[in-house]
């Protein structure tokens, strides 16, 4: 995966990438979710977060925190959240501190990641993996992205795009099952491993 930040300290992200680049073993999961926001200005609603247009943006309208809710019908594995934000264009509307929460629903969300964005311009990659190397993803029904504060003490926020990624399923298990099935029958079958 391309590194999206020029400088990164514990919980701080700076810089940004103009091109969205993620590992081939990840797939975008947002299209499988229901998206909602805590508030919005007319014409700048939740659809602006998912329209693949960097000229449009969601603009909140109300008190902080500003919330983006991503709800799935079944439990999914999520590994990465990628936001497009632009301090140069949006100044005080640019998120400064973000909390990412996960859970079964609104009733039991727990913070899994807190980051500070320092004058970000571009795609900001926020890994959901834990401190333990075996924790490479979060298994959840719901993800919430909470904007806790903005740059320059701004009140409302702009986020231009949000993508959420999970691991791409690998068909190798299915191939190995068929391979073992056919190998016991003494039939030669080529094994093809492919990502879907």
N, C-alpha and C. Protein backbone atom coordinates (compact mmCIF):
# COMPACT_ATOMS: atom_id res chain seq x y z
N UNK A 1 0.84 -1.18 0.00
CA UNK A 1 0.00 0.00 0.00
C UNK A 1 0.88 1.23 0.00
N UNK A 2 0.50 2.23 -0.74
CA UNK A 2 1.26 3.47 -0.77
C UNK A 2 1.07 4.21 0.53
N UNK A 3 2.15 4.81 0.99
CA UNK A 3 2.07 5.59 2.22
C UNK A 3 1.43 6.92 1.87
N UNK A 4 0.36 7.30 2.58
CA UNK A 4 -0.35 8.51 2.23
C UNK A 4 0.15 9.71 3.00
N UNK A 5 0.99 9.50 3.99
CA UNK A 5 1.38 10.64 4.80
C UNK A 5 2.86 10.91 4.67
N UNK A 6 3.17 12.20 4.57
CA UNK A 6 4.58 12.60 4.48
C UNK A 6 5.26 12.38 5.82
N UNK A 7 4.57 12.70 6.91
CA UNK A 7 5.10 12.50 8.24
C UNK A 7 4.04 11.87 9.10
N UNK A 8 4.42 10.90 9.92
CA UNK A 8 3.43 10.23 10.74
C UNK A 8 4.01 9.94 12.11
N UNK A 9 3.40 10.51 13.13
CA UNK A 9 3.73 10.20 14.50
C UNK A 9 2.60 9.36 15.04
N UNK A 10 2.74 8.95 16.30
CA UNK A 10 1.67 8.19 16.94
C UNK A 10 0.38 9.01 16.91
N UNK A 11 -0.63 8.58 16.12
CA UNK A 11 -1.92 9.25 16.10
C UNK A 11 -1.98 10.52 15.28
N UNK A 12 -0.87 10.92 14.62
CA UNK A 12 -0.87 12.14 13.80
C UNK A 12 -0.60 11.78 12.35
N UNK A 13 -1.39 12.36 11.46
CA UNK A 13 -1.18 12.15 10.03
C UNK A 13 -1.02 13.51 9.37
N UNK A 14 -0.02 13.63 8.50
CA UNK A 14 0.20 14.86 7.77
C UNK A 14 0.31 14.54 6.29
N UNK A 15 0.23 15.57 5.47
CA UNK A 15 0.42 15.38 4.03
C UNK A 15 -0.85 14.93 3.35
N UNK A 16 -0.76 13.83 2.63
CA UNK A 16 -1.87 13.33 1.85
C UNK A 16 -1.38 12.92 0.47
N UNK A 17 -2.15 12.12 -0.19
CA UNK A 17 -1.79 11.65 -1.53
C UNK A 17 -2.86 12.11 -2.52
N UNK A 18 -2.44 12.63 -3.66
CA UNK A 18 -3.40 13.09 -4.67
C UNK A 18 -4.04 11.92 -5.41
N UNK A 19 -3.36 10.79 -5.46
CA UNK A 19 -3.89 9.59 -6.11
C UNK A 19 -4.31 8.58 -5.06
N UNK A 20 -5.46 7.97 -5.24
CA UNK A 20 -5.92 6.93 -4.32
C UNK A 20 -5.26 5.61 -4.71
N UNK A 21 -4.38 5.12 -3.85
CA UNK A 21 -3.67 3.87 -4.10
C UNK A 21 -3.82 2.99 -2.87
N UNK A 22 -4.34 1.77 -3.06
CA UNK A 22 -4.44 0.80 -1.97
C UNK A 22 -3.93 -0.55 -2.47
N UNK A 23 -3.59 -1.42 -1.53
CA UNK A 23 -3.11 -2.76 -1.88
C UNK A 23 -4.14 -3.52 -2.71
N UNK A 24 -3.64 -4.37 -3.60
CA UNK A 24 -4.53 -5.21 -4.42
C UNK A 24 -5.32 -6.22 -3.59
N UNK A 25 -4.83 -6.53 -2.39
CA UNK A 25 -5.54 -7.53 -1.58
C UNK A 25 -6.67 -6.90 -0.75
N UNK A 26 -6.98 -5.62 -1.03
CA UNK A 26 -8.10 -4.95 -0.36
C UNK A 26 -9.19 -4.64 -1.37
N UNK A 27 -10.45 -4.64 -0.89
CA UNK A 27 -11.56 -4.24 -1.76
C UNK A 27 -12.41 -3.21 -1.04
N UNK A 28 -13.01 -2.30 -1.80
CA UNK A 28 -13.84 -1.25 -1.24
C UNK A 28 -15.17 -1.86 -0.80
N UNK A 29 -15.53 -1.63 0.46
CA UNK A 29 -16.72 -2.25 1.06
C UNK A 29 -17.88 -1.28 1.22
N UNK A 30 -17.69 -0.01 0.95
CA UNK A 30 -18.71 1.01 1.19
C UNK A 30 -20.00 0.81 0.43
N UNK A 31 -19.92 0.21 -0.74
CA UNK A 31 -21.14 0.02 -1.53
C UNK A 31 -22.08 -1.02 -0.91
N UNK A 32 -21.58 -1.80 0.04
CA UNK A 32 -22.41 -2.80 0.72
C UNK A 32 -23.07 -2.23 1.98
N UNK A 33 -22.87 -0.94 2.23
CA UNK A 33 -23.32 -0.34 3.49
C UNK A 33 -24.41 0.70 3.27
N UNK A 34 -25.12 1.00 4.36
CA UNK A 34 -26.04 2.13 4.41
C UNK A 34 -25.28 3.27 5.10
N UNK A 35 -25.24 4.42 4.47
CA UNK A 35 -24.49 5.57 4.97
C UNK A 35 -25.44 6.63 5.50
N UNK A 36 -25.10 7.23 6.63
CA UNK A 36 -25.88 8.35 7.16
C UNK A 36 -24.92 9.32 7.85
N UNK A 37 -25.40 10.56 8.03
CA UNK A 37 -24.60 11.59 8.70
C UNK A 37 -25.45 12.25 9.78
N UNK A 38 -24.78 12.86 10.75
CA UNK A 38 -25.49 13.49 11.87
C UNK A 38 -26.22 14.77 11.44
N UNK A 39 -25.68 15.48 10.45
CA UNK A 39 -26.31 16.70 9.94
C UNK A 39 -25.67 17.03 8.60
N UNK A 40 -26.34 17.91 7.84
CA UNK A 40 -25.75 18.36 6.58
C UNK A 40 -26.44 19.63 6.10
N UNK A 41 -25.68 20.42 5.35
CA UNK A 41 -26.23 21.60 4.68
C UNK A 41 -26.92 21.12 3.41
N UNK A 42 -28.06 21.71 3.04
CA UNK A 42 -28.74 21.30 1.80
C UNK A 42 -27.79 21.34 0.60
N UNK A 43 -27.80 20.26 -0.17
CA UNK A 43 -26.92 20.15 -1.33
C UNK A 43 -25.57 19.55 -1.03
N UNK A 44 -25.27 19.35 0.25
CA UNK A 44 -23.98 18.79 0.65
C UNK A 44 -24.18 17.64 1.63
N UNK A 45 -25.02 16.69 1.22
CA UNK A 45 -25.37 15.57 2.10
C UNK A 45 -24.46 14.38 1.94
N UNK A 46 -24.95 13.25 2.45
CA UNK A 46 -24.18 12.02 2.51
C UNK A 46 -23.77 11.51 1.12
N UNK A 47 -24.59 11.76 0.11
CA UNK A 47 -24.27 11.28 -1.24
C UNK A 47 -22.97 11.89 -1.76
N UNK A 48 -22.63 13.09 -1.29
CA UNK A 48 -21.39 13.75 -1.73
C UNK A 48 -20.14 13.01 -1.25
N UNK A 49 -20.28 12.20 -0.20
CA UNK A 49 -19.14 11.42 0.31
C UNK A 49 -18.80 10.24 -0.59
N UNK A 50 -19.76 9.81 -1.41
CA UNK A 50 -19.60 8.57 -2.16
C UNK A 50 -19.72 8.74 -3.67
N UNK A 51 -19.69 9.99 -4.16
CA UNK A 51 -19.93 10.22 -5.59
C UNK A 51 -18.67 10.20 -6.45
N UNK A 52 -17.51 9.87 -5.86
CA UNK A 52 -16.24 9.82 -6.59
C UNK A 52 -15.87 11.14 -7.26
N UNK A 53 -16.36 12.24 -6.70
CA UNK A 53 -16.07 13.56 -7.23
C UNK A 53 -15.38 14.39 -6.14
N UNK A 54 -14.13 14.75 -6.36
CA UNK A 54 -13.37 15.50 -5.35
C UNK A 54 -13.77 16.97 -5.27
N UNK A 55 -14.63 17.42 -6.18
CA UNK A 55 -15.12 18.81 -6.15
C UNK A 55 -16.31 18.96 -5.20
N UNK A 56 -17.01 17.87 -4.90
CA UNK A 56 -18.15 17.93 -3.99
C UNK A 56 -17.70 17.50 -2.60
N UNK A 57 -18.52 17.80 -1.59
CA UNK A 57 -18.17 17.44 -0.22
C UNK A 57 -19.42 17.38 0.64
N UNK A 58 -19.32 16.61 1.72
CA UNK A 58 -20.33 16.65 2.77
C UNK A 58 -19.98 17.83 3.66
N UNK A 59 -20.97 18.64 3.98
CA UNK A 59 -20.77 19.72 4.94
C UNK A 59 -21.75 19.52 6.08
N UNK A 60 -21.22 19.41 7.28
CA UNK A 60 -22.06 19.26 8.47
C UNK A 60 -22.78 20.57 8.75
N UNK A 61 -23.78 20.50 9.62
CA UNK A 61 -24.55 21.68 9.99
C UNK A 61 -25.04 21.52 11.42
N UNK A 62 -24.19 21.90 12.36
CA UNK A 62 -24.60 21.75 13.75
C UNK A 62 -23.40 21.61 14.66
N UNK A 63 -23.69 21.20 15.89
CA UNK A 63 -22.64 21.09 16.91
C UNK A 63 -21.78 19.85 16.68
N UNK A 64 -20.51 19.95 17.13
CA UNK A 64 -19.61 18.80 17.07
C UNK A 64 -19.95 17.85 18.21
N UNK A 65 -19.66 16.57 18.10
CA UNK A 65 -18.96 15.93 16.98
C UNK A 65 -19.88 15.75 15.77
N UNK A 66 -19.27 15.76 14.59
CA UNK A 66 -19.98 15.49 13.35
C UNK A 66 -19.75 14.01 13.01
N UNK A 67 -20.83 13.30 12.70
CA UNK A 67 -20.76 11.85 12.58
C UNK A 67 -21.09 11.35 11.17
N UNK A 68 -20.31 10.39 10.71
CA UNK A 68 -20.61 9.63 9.50
C UNK A 68 -20.79 8.18 9.96
N UNK A 69 -21.97 7.61 9.70
CA UNK A 69 -22.28 6.25 10.12
C UNK A 69 -22.30 5.33 8.91
N UNK A 70 -21.62 4.20 9.03
CA UNK A 70 -21.53 3.22 7.95
C UNK A 70 -22.03 1.89 8.52
N UNK A 71 -23.24 1.47 8.09
CA UNK A 71 -23.86 0.28 8.67
C UNK A 71 -23.99 -0.83 7.63
N UNK A 72 -23.61 -2.03 8.03
CA UNK A 72 -23.65 -3.20 7.16
C UNK A 72 -24.74 -4.16 7.64
N UNK A 73 -25.35 -4.90 6.69
CA UNK A 73 -26.40 -5.87 7.05
C UNK A 73 -25.84 -7.09 7.75
N UNK A 74 -24.59 -7.42 7.43
CA UNK A 74 -23.95 -8.54 8.12
C UNK A 74 -22.56 -8.09 8.55
N UNK A 75 -21.97 -8.84 9.46
CA UNK A 75 -20.65 -8.49 9.97
C UNK A 75 -19.63 -8.57 8.85
N UNK A 76 -18.79 -7.54 8.76
CA UNK A 76 -17.76 -7.48 7.72
C UNK A 76 -16.40 -7.22 8.36
N UNK A 77 -15.37 -7.60 7.64
CA UNK A 77 -14.00 -7.34 8.07
C UNK A 77 -13.55 -6.06 7.38
N UNK A 78 -13.13 -5.08 8.18
CA UNK A 78 -12.64 -3.81 7.65
C UNK A 78 -11.21 -3.59 8.10
N UNK A 79 -10.40 -3.03 7.21
CA UNK A 79 -8.98 -2.90 7.48
C UNK A 79 -8.47 -1.47 7.33
N UNK A 80 -9.17 -0.66 6.54
CA UNK A 80 -8.64 0.65 6.19
C UNK A 80 -9.78 1.63 5.92
N UNK A 81 -9.64 2.85 6.44
CA UNK A 81 -10.54 3.96 6.10
C UNK A 81 -9.68 4.99 5.37
N UNK A 82 -10.18 5.48 4.24
CA UNK A 82 -9.44 6.48 3.48
C UNK A 82 -10.36 7.68 3.27
N UNK A 83 -9.89 8.85 3.70
CA UNK A 83 -10.66 10.10 3.58
C UNK A 83 -9.95 11.02 2.60
N UNK A 84 -10.73 11.75 1.81
CA UNK A 84 -10.14 12.83 1.02
C UNK A 84 -10.56 14.14 1.67
N UNK A 85 -9.57 14.88 2.16
CA UNK A 85 -9.80 16.18 2.77
C UNK A 85 -8.79 17.16 2.18
N UNK A 86 -9.13 18.46 2.21
CA UNK A 86 -8.26 19.42 1.55
C UNK A 86 -8.17 20.72 2.35
N UNK A 87 -7.12 20.84 3.15
CA UNK A 87 -6.93 22.03 3.98
C UNK A 87 -6.76 23.28 3.12
N UNK A 88 -6.12 23.16 1.96
CA UNK A 88 -5.88 24.34 1.11
C UNK A 88 -7.20 24.95 0.62
N UNK A 89 -8.18 24.10 0.32
CA UNK A 89 -9.48 24.60 -0.15
C UNK A 89 -10.45 24.89 0.99
N UNK A 90 -10.43 24.05 2.02
CA UNK A 90 -11.48 24.09 3.03
C UNK A 90 -11.10 24.77 4.34
N UNK A 91 -9.84 25.03 4.56
CA UNK A 91 -9.31 25.73 5.73
C UNK A 91 -9.99 25.30 7.03
N UNK A 92 -10.78 26.18 7.66
CA UNK A 92 -11.34 25.87 8.99
C UNK A 92 -12.41 24.77 8.95
N UNK A 93 -12.83 24.37 7.77
CA UNK A 93 -13.80 23.27 7.64
C UNK A 93 -13.09 21.91 7.63
N UNK A 94 -11.77 21.91 7.59
CA UNK A 94 -11.00 20.68 7.51
C UNK A 94 -10.95 19.98 8.86
N UNK A 95 -11.29 18.67 8.90
CA UNK A 95 -11.21 17.94 10.17
C UNK A 95 -9.81 17.99 10.77
N UNK A 96 -9.76 18.14 12.10
CA UNK A 96 -8.48 18.14 12.81
C UNK A 96 -8.30 16.87 13.62
N UNK A 97 -9.30 16.51 14.41
CA UNK A 97 -9.25 15.28 15.21
C UNK A 97 -10.42 14.39 14.84
N UNK A 98 -10.10 13.12 14.59
CA UNK A 98 -11.10 12.14 14.18
C UNK A 98 -11.03 10.92 15.10
N UNK A 99 -12.20 10.42 15.45
CA UNK A 99 -12.30 9.17 16.21
C UNK A 99 -13.04 8.17 15.33
N UNK A 100 -12.49 6.96 15.21
CA UNK A 100 -13.18 5.90 14.46
C UNK A 100 -13.65 4.88 15.48
N UNK A 101 -14.94 4.58 15.39
CA UNK A 101 -15.58 3.68 16.35
C UNK A 101 -16.21 2.51 15.60
N UNK A 102 -16.29 1.36 16.28
CA UNK A 102 -16.89 0.17 15.67
C UNK A 102 -17.77 -0.52 16.71
N UNK A 103 -18.77 -1.27 16.21
CA UNK A 103 -19.65 -2.02 17.10
C UNK A 103 -20.77 -2.69 16.33
N UNK A 104 -21.70 -3.26 17.09
CA UNK A 104 -22.85 -3.92 16.47
C UNK A 104 -23.92 -2.92 16.04
N UNK A 105 -23.92 -1.75 16.65
CA UNK A 105 -24.89 -0.70 16.35
C UNK A 105 -24.56 0.52 17.19
N UNK A 106 -25.46 1.50 17.18
CA UNK A 106 -25.23 2.75 17.93
C UNK A 106 -25.05 2.50 19.42
N UNK A 107 -25.68 1.44 19.94
CA UNK A 107 -25.71 1.19 21.39
C UNK A 107 -24.37 0.74 21.98
N UNK A 108 -23.46 0.21 21.17
CA UNK A 108 -22.21 -0.30 21.76
C UNK A 108 -20.96 0.05 20.96
N UNK A 109 -20.93 1.22 20.36
CA UNK A 109 -19.75 1.65 19.61
C UNK A 109 -18.59 1.91 20.57
N UNK A 110 -17.40 1.44 20.17
CA UNK A 110 -16.19 1.67 20.95
C UNK A 110 -15.13 2.26 20.03
N UNK A 111 -14.37 3.22 20.56
CA UNK A 111 -13.32 3.83 19.76
C UNK A 111 -12.23 2.81 19.49
N UNK A 112 -11.86 2.67 18.22
CA UNK A 112 -10.77 1.75 17.85
C UNK A 112 -9.55 2.51 17.33
N UNK A 113 -9.75 3.78 16.97
CA UNK A 113 -8.63 4.57 16.45
C UNK A 113 -8.95 6.04 16.64
N UNK A 114 -7.95 6.79 17.08
CA UNK A 114 -8.07 8.25 17.17
C UNK A 114 -6.88 8.85 16.44
N UNK A 115 -7.13 9.79 15.56
CA UNK A 115 -6.04 10.39 14.79
C UNK A 115 -6.20 11.91 14.75
N UNK A 116 -5.06 12.57 14.62
CA UNK A 116 -5.05 14.01 14.41
C UNK A 116 -4.53 14.24 13.00
N UNK A 117 -5.29 14.98 12.21
CA UNK A 117 -4.88 15.33 10.85
C UNK A 117 -4.25 16.72 10.90
N UNK A 118 -3.02 16.83 10.40
CA UNK A 118 -2.29 18.10 10.45
C UNK A 118 -2.24 18.69 9.04
N UNK A 119 -3.08 19.69 8.80
CA UNK A 119 -3.18 20.37 7.50
C UNK A 119 -3.17 19.37 6.33
N UNK A 120 -4.09 18.42 6.33
CA UNK A 120 -4.09 17.38 5.29
C UNK A 120 -4.61 17.90 3.95
N UNK A 121 -3.99 17.43 2.88
CA UNK A 121 -4.48 17.73 1.54
C UNK A 121 -4.32 16.47 0.71
N UNK A 122 -5.43 15.77 0.48
CA UNK A 122 -5.40 14.55 -0.32
C UNK A 122 -6.02 13.38 0.42
N UNK A 123 -5.70 12.19 -0.06
CA UNK A 123 -6.22 10.95 0.52
C UNK A 123 -5.43 10.62 1.77
N UNK A 124 -6.12 10.47 2.88
CA UNK A 124 -5.50 10.14 4.16
C UNK A 124 -5.89 8.71 4.52
N UNK A 125 -4.90 7.84 4.68
CA UNK A 125 -5.12 6.43 4.99
C UNK A 125 -5.07 6.21 6.50
N UNK A 126 -6.14 5.64 7.03
CA UNK A 126 -6.20 5.34 8.47
C UNK A 126 -6.39 3.84 8.63
N UNK A 127 -5.33 3.18 9.08
CA UNK A 127 -5.37 1.73 9.26
C UNK A 127 -6.20 1.38 10.49
N UNK A 128 -7.00 0.35 10.39
CA UNK A 128 -7.82 -0.09 11.52
C UNK A 128 -7.17 -1.23 12.29
N UNK A 129 -5.95 -1.62 11.89
CA UNK A 129 -5.29 -2.72 12.61
C UNK A 129 -4.89 -2.25 14.00
N UNK A 130 -4.89 -3.21 14.91
CA UNK A 130 -4.54 -2.91 16.30
C UNK A 130 -3.04 -2.96 16.52
N UNK A 131 -2.63 -2.87 17.77
CA UNK A 131 -1.21 -2.93 18.11
C UNK A 131 -0.64 -4.33 17.98
N UNK A 132 -1.48 -5.33 18.16
CA UNK A 132 -1.07 -6.72 18.03
C UNK A 132 -0.98 -7.05 16.53
N UNK A 133 0.15 -7.59 16.04
CA UNK A 133 0.30 -7.88 14.61
C UNK A 133 -0.76 -8.85 14.07
N UNK A 134 -1.39 -9.61 14.95
CA UNK A 134 -2.44 -10.53 14.49
C UNK A 134 -3.77 -9.80 14.27
N UNK A 135 -3.89 -8.58 14.77
CA UNK A 135 -5.12 -7.80 14.59
C UNK A 135 -4.99 -6.96 13.32
N UNK A 136 -5.28 -7.56 12.18
CA UNK A 136 -5.11 -6.84 10.93
C UNK A 136 -6.41 -6.22 10.43
N UNK A 137 -7.53 -6.54 11.06
CA UNK A 137 -8.80 -5.98 10.63
C UNK A 137 -9.75 -5.91 11.82
N UNK A 138 -10.89 -5.22 11.60
CA UNK A 138 -11.96 -5.12 12.59
C UNK A 138 -13.15 -5.86 12.01
N UNK A 139 -13.76 -6.72 12.79
CA UNK A 139 -14.94 -7.47 12.37
C UNK A 139 -16.15 -6.78 12.99
N UNK A 140 -16.99 -6.13 12.17
CA UNK A 140 -18.02 -5.26 12.72
C UNK A 140 -19.26 -5.15 11.83
N UNK A 141 -20.37 -4.74 12.45
CA UNK A 141 -21.60 -4.41 11.72
C UNK A 141 -21.64 -2.92 11.39
N UNK A 142 -20.93 -2.11 12.19
CA UNK A 142 -21.05 -0.67 12.03
C UNK A 142 -19.72 0.02 12.29
N UNK A 143 -19.45 1.03 11.49
CA UNK A 143 -18.29 1.89 11.66
C UNK A 143 -18.81 3.32 11.75
N UNK A 144 -18.26 4.09 12.68
CA UNK A 144 -18.64 5.49 12.81
C UNK A 144 -17.37 6.34 12.76
N UNK A 145 -17.40 7.35 11.91
CA UNK A 145 -16.28 8.29 11.81
C UNK A 145 -16.77 9.58 12.45
N UNK A 146 -16.15 9.96 13.55
CA UNK A 146 -16.57 11.15 14.30
C UNK A 146 -15.52 12.24 14.16
N UNK A 147 -15.93 13.39 13.65
CA UNK A 147 -15.04 14.56 13.57
C UNK A 147 -15.21 15.31 14.89
N UNK A 148 -14.16 15.25 15.72
CA UNK A 148 -14.22 15.85 17.05
C UNK A 148 -13.87 17.33 17.04
N UNK A 149 -12.99 17.73 16.13
CA UNK A 149 -12.63 19.15 16.01
C UNK A 149 -12.11 19.41 14.60
N UNK A 150 -12.10 20.70 14.25
CA UNK A 150 -11.61 21.12 12.94
C UNK A 150 -10.37 22.00 13.10
N UNK A 151 -9.70 22.25 12.01
CA UNK A 151 -8.58 23.18 12.00
C UNK A 151 -9.10 24.60 12.29
N UNK A 152 -8.26 25.43 12.86
CA UNK A 152 -8.56 26.84 13.10
C UNK A 152 -9.86 27.03 13.88
N UNK A 153 -10.20 26.06 14.74
CA UNK A 153 -11.41 26.10 15.56
C UNK A 153 -12.70 26.23 14.75
N UNK A 154 -12.70 25.69 13.55
CA UNK A 154 -13.90 25.73 12.72
C UNK A 154 -15.04 24.94 13.34
N UNK A 155 -16.27 25.32 13.01
CA UNK A 155 -17.46 24.67 13.59
C UNK A 155 -17.94 23.50 12.72
N UNK A 156 -18.29 23.78 11.48
CA UNK A 156 -18.75 22.72 10.57
C UNK A 156 -17.57 22.13 9.82
N UNK A 157 -17.81 20.97 9.21
CA UNK A 157 -16.70 20.25 8.57
C UNK A 157 -17.00 19.93 7.12
N UNK A 158 -15.95 19.75 6.34
CA UNK A 158 -16.03 19.27 4.95
C UNK A 158 -15.21 17.99 4.86
N UNK A 159 -15.82 16.94 4.33
CA UNK A 159 -15.08 15.74 3.91
C UNK A 159 -15.51 15.48 2.48
N UNK A 160 -14.55 15.34 1.58
CA UNK A 160 -14.85 15.24 0.16
C UNK A 160 -15.15 13.81 -0.31
N UNK A 161 -14.50 12.82 0.27
CA UNK A 161 -14.77 11.42 -0.07
C UNK A 161 -14.39 10.54 1.12
N UNK A 162 -15.08 9.40 1.25
CA UNK A 162 -14.69 8.38 2.22
C UNK A 162 -14.79 7.03 1.55
N UNK A 163 -13.76 6.23 1.71
CA UNK A 163 -13.74 4.84 1.23
C UNK A 163 -13.40 3.96 2.42
N UNK A 164 -14.03 2.80 2.50
CA UNK A 164 -13.69 1.82 3.54
C UNK A 164 -13.31 0.51 2.85
N UNK A 165 -12.21 -0.08 3.30
CA UNK A 165 -11.67 -1.27 2.66
C UNK A 165 -11.57 -2.43 3.62
N UNK A 166 -11.81 -3.62 3.08
CA UNK A 166 -11.63 -4.85 3.82
C UNK A 166 -10.79 -5.81 2.99
N UNK A 167 -10.36 -6.91 3.63
CA UNK A 167 -9.55 -7.88 2.87
C UNK A 167 -10.36 -8.52 1.76
N UNK A 168 -9.73 -8.70 0.62
CA UNK A 168 -10.36 -9.35 -0.52
C UNK A 168 -10.38 -10.85 -0.23
N UNK A 169 -11.55 -11.49 -0.40
CA UNK A 169 -11.59 -12.93 -0.13
C UNK A 169 -10.70 -13.69 -1.12
N UNK A 170 -10.05 -14.69 -0.63
CA UNK A 170 -9.16 -15.48 -1.46
C UNK A 170 -9.81 -16.82 -1.74
N UNK A 171 -9.76 -17.25 -2.98
CA UNK A 171 -10.41 -18.51 -3.34
C UNK A 171 -9.50 -19.71 -3.13
N UNK A 172 -8.34 -19.50 -2.50
CA UNK A 172 -7.40 -20.61 -2.34
C UNK A 172 -7.99 -21.75 -1.48
N UNK A 173 -8.81 -21.40 -0.48
CA UNK A 173 -9.40 -22.45 0.36
C UNK A 173 -10.29 -23.35 -0.48
N UNK A 174 -11.08 -22.74 -1.34
CA UNK A 174 -11.96 -23.51 -2.21
C UNK A 174 -11.12 -24.37 -3.16
N UNK A 175 -10.06 -23.79 -3.71
CA UNK A 175 -9.18 -24.54 -4.60
C UNK A 175 -8.55 -25.73 -3.87
N UNK A 176 -8.07 -25.50 -2.66
CA UNK A 176 -7.46 -26.59 -1.91
C UNK A 176 -8.46 -27.70 -1.60
N UNK A 177 -9.72 -27.29 -1.33
CA UNK A 177 -10.76 -28.29 -1.09
C UNK A 177 -10.94 -29.17 -2.32
N UNK A 178 -11.08 -28.53 -3.49
CA UNK A 178 -11.26 -29.30 -4.71
C UNK A 178 -10.01 -30.11 -5.05
N UNK A 179 -8.83 -29.53 -4.80
CA UNK A 179 -7.58 -30.24 -5.06
C UNK A 179 -7.51 -31.52 -4.24
N UNK A 180 -7.84 -31.40 -2.94
CA UNK A 180 -7.78 -32.60 -2.09
C UNK A 180 -8.85 -33.60 -2.51
N UNK A 181 -10.00 -33.11 -2.95
CA UNK A 181 -11.07 -33.99 -3.40
C UNK A 181 -10.63 -34.76 -4.65
N UNK A 182 -10.06 -34.02 -5.63
CA UNK A 182 -9.64 -34.66 -6.87
C UNK A 182 -8.38 -35.50 -6.69
N UNK A 183 -7.49 -35.08 -5.81
CA UNK A 183 -6.26 -35.85 -5.64
C UNK A 183 -6.55 -37.22 -5.05
N UNK A 184 -7.60 -37.32 -4.24
CA UNK A 184 -7.95 -38.64 -3.70
C UNK A 184 -8.55 -39.52 -4.79
N UNK A 185 -9.03 -38.91 -5.88
CA UNK A 185 -9.58 -39.68 -6.99
C UNK A 185 -8.55 -39.95 -8.08
N UNK A 186 -7.31 -39.54 -7.85
CA UNK A 186 -6.21 -39.73 -8.82
C UNK A 186 -6.49 -39.02 -10.15
N UNK A 187 -7.15 -37.87 -10.05
CA UNK A 187 -7.41 -37.07 -11.25
C UNK A 187 -6.50 -35.85 -11.18
N UNK A 188 -5.88 -35.52 -12.30
CA UNK A 188 -5.00 -34.36 -12.33
C UNK A 188 -5.81 -33.11 -12.67
N UNK A 189 -5.78 -32.13 -11.76
CA UNK A 189 -6.51 -30.88 -11.96
C UNK A 189 -5.57 -29.71 -11.66
N UNK A 190 -5.44 -28.78 -12.60
CA UNK A 190 -4.59 -27.60 -12.31
C UNK A 190 -5.25 -26.73 -11.24
N UNK A 191 -4.43 -26.19 -10.38
CA UNK A 191 -4.95 -25.31 -9.34
C UNK A 191 -4.66 -23.87 -9.71
N UNK A 192 -5.70 -23.07 -9.73
CA UNK A 192 -5.57 -21.66 -10.07
C UNK A 192 -5.98 -20.84 -8.86
N UNK A 193 -5.08 -19.99 -8.42
CA UNK A 193 -5.38 -19.12 -7.28
C UNK A 193 -5.63 -17.73 -7.84
N UNK A 194 -6.78 -17.18 -7.52
CA UNK A 194 -7.12 -15.87 -8.03
C UNK A 194 -7.84 -15.08 -6.95
N UNK A 195 -7.67 -13.76 -6.98
CA UNK A 195 -8.37 -12.86 -6.06
C UNK A 195 -9.64 -12.38 -6.72
N UNK A 196 -10.70 -12.30 -5.92
CA UNK A 196 -11.95 -11.78 -6.47
C UNK A 196 -12.20 -10.39 -5.97
